[in-house]
Amino acid sequence: MVTNCIFRRYPDLPEGQLAKLRASVVNTITLAYLAMDLELGELLLLGKGEGLSGGREKESILADALEALLGAIYVDGGWHVAERIILELTRDAILDAAEQPGRKDYKTQLQELTARLALGSPVYEISGSGPDHDKRFTAITIIDGVPRGRGAGTSKKRAEQVAARSAYAAVLALSGNGEEHRDQS
């Protein structure tokens, strides 16, 4: 379903780029983030040991749980229902991947930059507003105790990415270390 969406949305991309775009959306990390946004971990029935060892936050378990949920939606509701839900869930991930094919996401880039500059790890403050069916999230990126970026989106992940992009540009400008900002839009 994601492959079909990407193919229709980006018909001029070469096959290799389409494959990379799909792989950056349909993978354990992205699926785990989507499961976290849905708070799916809270609904999982886990064995005592797995529950005590943080199983509700493990990427592999969350990704597998999301795939199982989507499979159940497909079996119960059919192709069109499953496709609508899957594309709604993955919309922001597809847009992010299309903006920066083959490159690291902005949160990773910012993490690497702040590490090089010995500023510590970025911290994200997230807030949400609106009804559950139309939630909007705002993220503020705090670096070394100072707000450096702000972003909004329809998911926590998207808001964090936008805030990280803003913070990356701000930190780069303040650092004066001659690095070139790689605008990936």
Protein backbone atom coordinates (compact mmCIF):
# COMPACT_ATOMS: atom_id res chain seq x y z
CA MET A 1 0.00 0.00 0.00
CA VAL A 2 2.85 2.37 0.83
CA THR A 3 4.68 1.36 -2.33
CA ASN A 4 1.60 2.03 -4.44
CA CYS A 5 1.14 5.44 -2.79
CA ILE A 6 4.77 6.41 -3.35
CA PHE A 7 4.69 5.25 -6.97
CA ARG A 8 1.55 7.32 -7.67
CA ARG A 9 2.75 10.39 -5.75
CA TYR A 10 6.29 10.45 -7.19
CA PRO A 11 5.98 8.98 -10.71
CA ASP A 12 9.13 10.68 -12.00
CA LEU A 13 11.50 9.23 -9.40
CA PRO A 14 13.84 6.51 -10.67
CA GLU A 15 13.14 2.98 -9.43
CA GLY A 16 16.14 3.04 -7.07
CA GLN A 17 14.94 6.24 -5.39
CA LEU A 18 11.42 4.82 -5.06
CA ALA A 19 12.86 1.74 -3.36
CA LYS A 20 14.89 3.88 -0.94
CA LEU A 21 11.87 6.05 -0.20
CA ARG A 22 9.75 2.97 0.57
CA ALA A 23 12.49 1.44 2.72
CA SER A 24 12.77 4.62 4.77
CA VAL A 25 9.03 4.44 5.55
CA VAL A 26 8.48 0.69 5.95
CA ASN A 27 11.10 -0.27 8.52
CA THR A 28 11.26 -1.18 12.17
CA ILE A 29 12.23 2.29 13.40
CA THR A 30 9.49 4.16 11.54
CA LEU A 31 6.85 1.58 12.42
CA ALA A 32 7.90 1.74 16.07
CA TYR A 33 7.57 5.56 16.05
CA LEU A 34 4.10 5.22 14.57
CA ALA A 35 3.18 2.67 17.23
CA MET A 36 4.48 5.05 19.93
CA ASP A 37 2.34 7.87 18.53
CA LEU A 38 -0.65 5.54 18.85
CA GLU A 39 0.45 4.56 22.38
CA LEU A 40 0.16 0.96 21.23
CA GLY A 41 2.71 -0.23 23.79
CA GLU A 42 0.26 0.48 26.59
CA LEU A 43 -2.21 -1.98 25.09
CA LEU A 44 0.16 -4.93 24.68
CA LEU A 45 -0.16 -8.05 26.78
CA LEU A 46 3.41 -9.08 27.59
CA GLY A 47 4.98 -11.72 29.76
CA LYS A 48 6.15 -10.57 33.16
CA GLY A 49 9.85 -10.57 32.21
CA GLU A 50 9.27 -8.68 28.95
CA GLY A 51 7.05 -6.17 30.73
CA LEU A 52 9.67 -5.54 33.40
CA SER A 53 12.50 -5.22 30.88
CA GLY A 54 10.83 -2.38 28.95
CA GLY A 55 9.14 -4.45 26.26
CA ARG A 56 6.46 -1.82 25.77
CA GLU A 57 9.13 0.56 24.43
CA LYS A 58 11.16 -1.93 22.35
CA GLU A 59 11.21 -0.94 18.69
CA SER A 60 10.94 -4.51 17.40
CA ILE A 61 7.93 -5.32 19.58
CA LEU A 62 6.17 -2.06 18.74
CA ALA A 63 6.79 -2.47 15.00
CA ASP A 64 5.54 -6.06 15.08
CA ALA A 65 2.46 -5.04 17.08
CA LEU A 66 1.62 -2.29 14.59
CA GLU A 67 2.02 -4.69 11.67
CA ALA A 68 -0.27 -7.18 13.43
CA LEU A 69 -2.86 -4.46 14.09
CA LEU A 70 -2.77 -3.32 10.46
CA GLY A 71 -3.08 -6.93 9.31
CA ALA A 72 -6.14 -7.38 11.53
CA ILE A 73 -7.66 -4.20 10.10
CA TYR A 74 -7.09 -5.58 6.59
CA VAL A 75 -8.65 -8.96 7.42
CA ASP A 76 -11.62 -7.32 9.16
CA GLY A 77 -12.24 -4.29 6.95
CA GLY A 78 -10.69 -5.15 3.61
CA TRP A 79 -8.16 -3.48 1.34
CA HIS A 80 -9.74 -0.02 1.10
CA VAL A 81 -10.21 0.42 4.85
CA ALA A 82 -6.68 -0.81 5.58
CA GLU A 83 -5.19 1.37 2.83
CA ARG A 84 -6.91 4.51 4.14
CA ILE A 85 -5.65 3.87 7.68
CA ILE A 86 -2.12 2.88 6.62
CA LEU A 87 -1.71 5.92 4.37
CA GLU A 88 -3.03 8.23 7.08
CA LEU A 89 -0.55 6.74 9.56
CA THR A 90 2.41 6.91 7.18
CA ARG A 91 1.63 10.25 5.47
CA ASP A 92 4.15 12.29 7.47
CA ALA A 93 6.81 9.58 7.22
CA ILE A 94 6.39 9.53 3.43
CA LEU A 95 6.64 13.33 3.26
CA ASP A 96 9.75 13.33 5.48
CA ALA A 97 11.43 10.64 3.42
CA ALA A 98 10.59 12.41 0.15
CA GLU A 99 12.08 15.68 1.47
CA GLN A 100 15.37 14.00 2.33
CA PRO A 101 15.83 10.81 0.29
CA GLY A 102 18.87 8.83 1.34
CA ARG A 103 19.84 11.30 4.06
CA LYS A 104 19.70 11.19 7.82
CA ASP A 105 16.67 12.71 9.48
CA TYR A 106 16.96 16.13 11.10
CA LYS A 107 16.91 14.77 14.66
CA THR A 108 19.93 12.60 13.86
CA GLN A 109 21.73 15.46 12.12
CA LEU A 110 21.07 17.76 15.08
CA GLN A 111 22.24 15.10 17.55
CA GLU A 112 25.51 14.72 15.62
CA LEU A 113 26.02 18.50 15.39
CA THR A 114 25.42 19.11 19.10
CA ALA A 115 27.77 16.23 19.94
CA ARG A 116 30.51 17.75 17.76
CA LEU A 117 30.00 21.12 19.45
CA ALA A 118 29.83 19.55 22.96
CA LEU A 119 26.38 21.03 23.61
CA GLY A 120 24.83 17.87 24.98
CA SER A 121 21.83 16.03 23.60
CA PRO A 122 18.80 17.94 22.34
CA VAL A 123 15.65 17.62 24.43
CA TYR A 124 12.18 17.85 22.91
CA GLU A 125 9.18 19.28 24.73
CA ILE A 126 5.98 18.14 23.07
CA SER A 127 2.46 19.44 23.51
CA GLY A 128 -0.72 18.42 21.75
CA SER A 129 -3.99 20.17 21.09
CA GLY A 130 -7.25 19.47 19.38
CA PRO A 131 -9.62 16.54 19.40
CA ASP A 132 -8.23 13.00 19.16
CA HIS A 133 -9.32 12.63 15.53
CA ASP A 134 -7.56 15.87 14.50
CA LYS A 135 -4.66 16.27 16.95
CA ARG A 136 -1.87 18.77 16.27
CA PHE A 137 1.47 18.63 18.03
CA THR A 138 4.01 21.31 18.78
CA ALA A 139 7.63 20.55 19.64
CA ILE A 140 10.32 22.80 21.08
CA THR A 141 13.94 21.71 20.79
CA ILE A 142 16.02 22.65 23.81
CA ILE A 143 19.79 22.57 23.54
CA ASP A 144 22.02 23.27 26.50
CA GLY A 145 18.99 24.64 28.37
CA VAL A 146 18.00 27.09 25.60
CA PRO A 147 15.04 26.73 23.20
CA ARG A 148 16.57 26.62 19.70
CA GLY A 149 13.82 25.32 17.43
CA ARG A 150 10.07 25.02 17.17
CA GLY A 151 7.91 22.86 14.93
CA ALA A 152 4.37 21.64 14.46
CA GLY A 153 2.80 18.63 12.79
CA THR A 154 0.06 16.08 12.78
CA SER A 155 2.23 13.62 14.71
CA LYS A 156 4.78 13.95 17.49
CA LYS A 157 7.49 12.65 15.17
CA ARG A 158 6.71 15.21 12.46
CA ALA A 159 6.66 18.08 14.98
CA GLU A 160 10.03 16.93 16.40
CA GLN A 161 11.54 16.72 12.91
CA VAL A 162 10.40 20.25 12.04
CA ALA A 163 11.72 21.56 15.38
CA ALA A 164 15.03 19.73 14.88
CA ARG A 165 15.41 21.24 11.42
CA SER A 166 14.86 24.71 12.84
CA ALA A 167 17.26 24.07 15.73
CA TYR A 168 19.91 22.66 13.38
CA ALA A 169 19.92 25.89 11.37
CA ALA A 170 20.00 28.00 14.54
CA VAL A 171 22.87 26.08 16.15
CA LEU A 172 24.82 26.08 12.91
CA ALA A 173 24.41 29.85 12.57
CA LEU A 174 25.46 30.42 16.19
CA SER A 175 28.44 28.07 16.02
CA GLY A 176 30.26 30.05 13.35
CA ASN A 177 32.38 26.98 12.69
CA GLY A 178 32.16 27.25 8.92
CA GLU A 179 29.95 24.21 8.39
CA GLU A 180 27.53 24.58 5.56
CA HIS A 181 23.83 24.08 6.30
CA ARG A 182 22.50 21.27 4.15
CA ASP A 183 18.98 22.40 3.42
CA GLN A 184 17.09 19.29 2.39
CA SER A 185 13.77 20.73 1.43
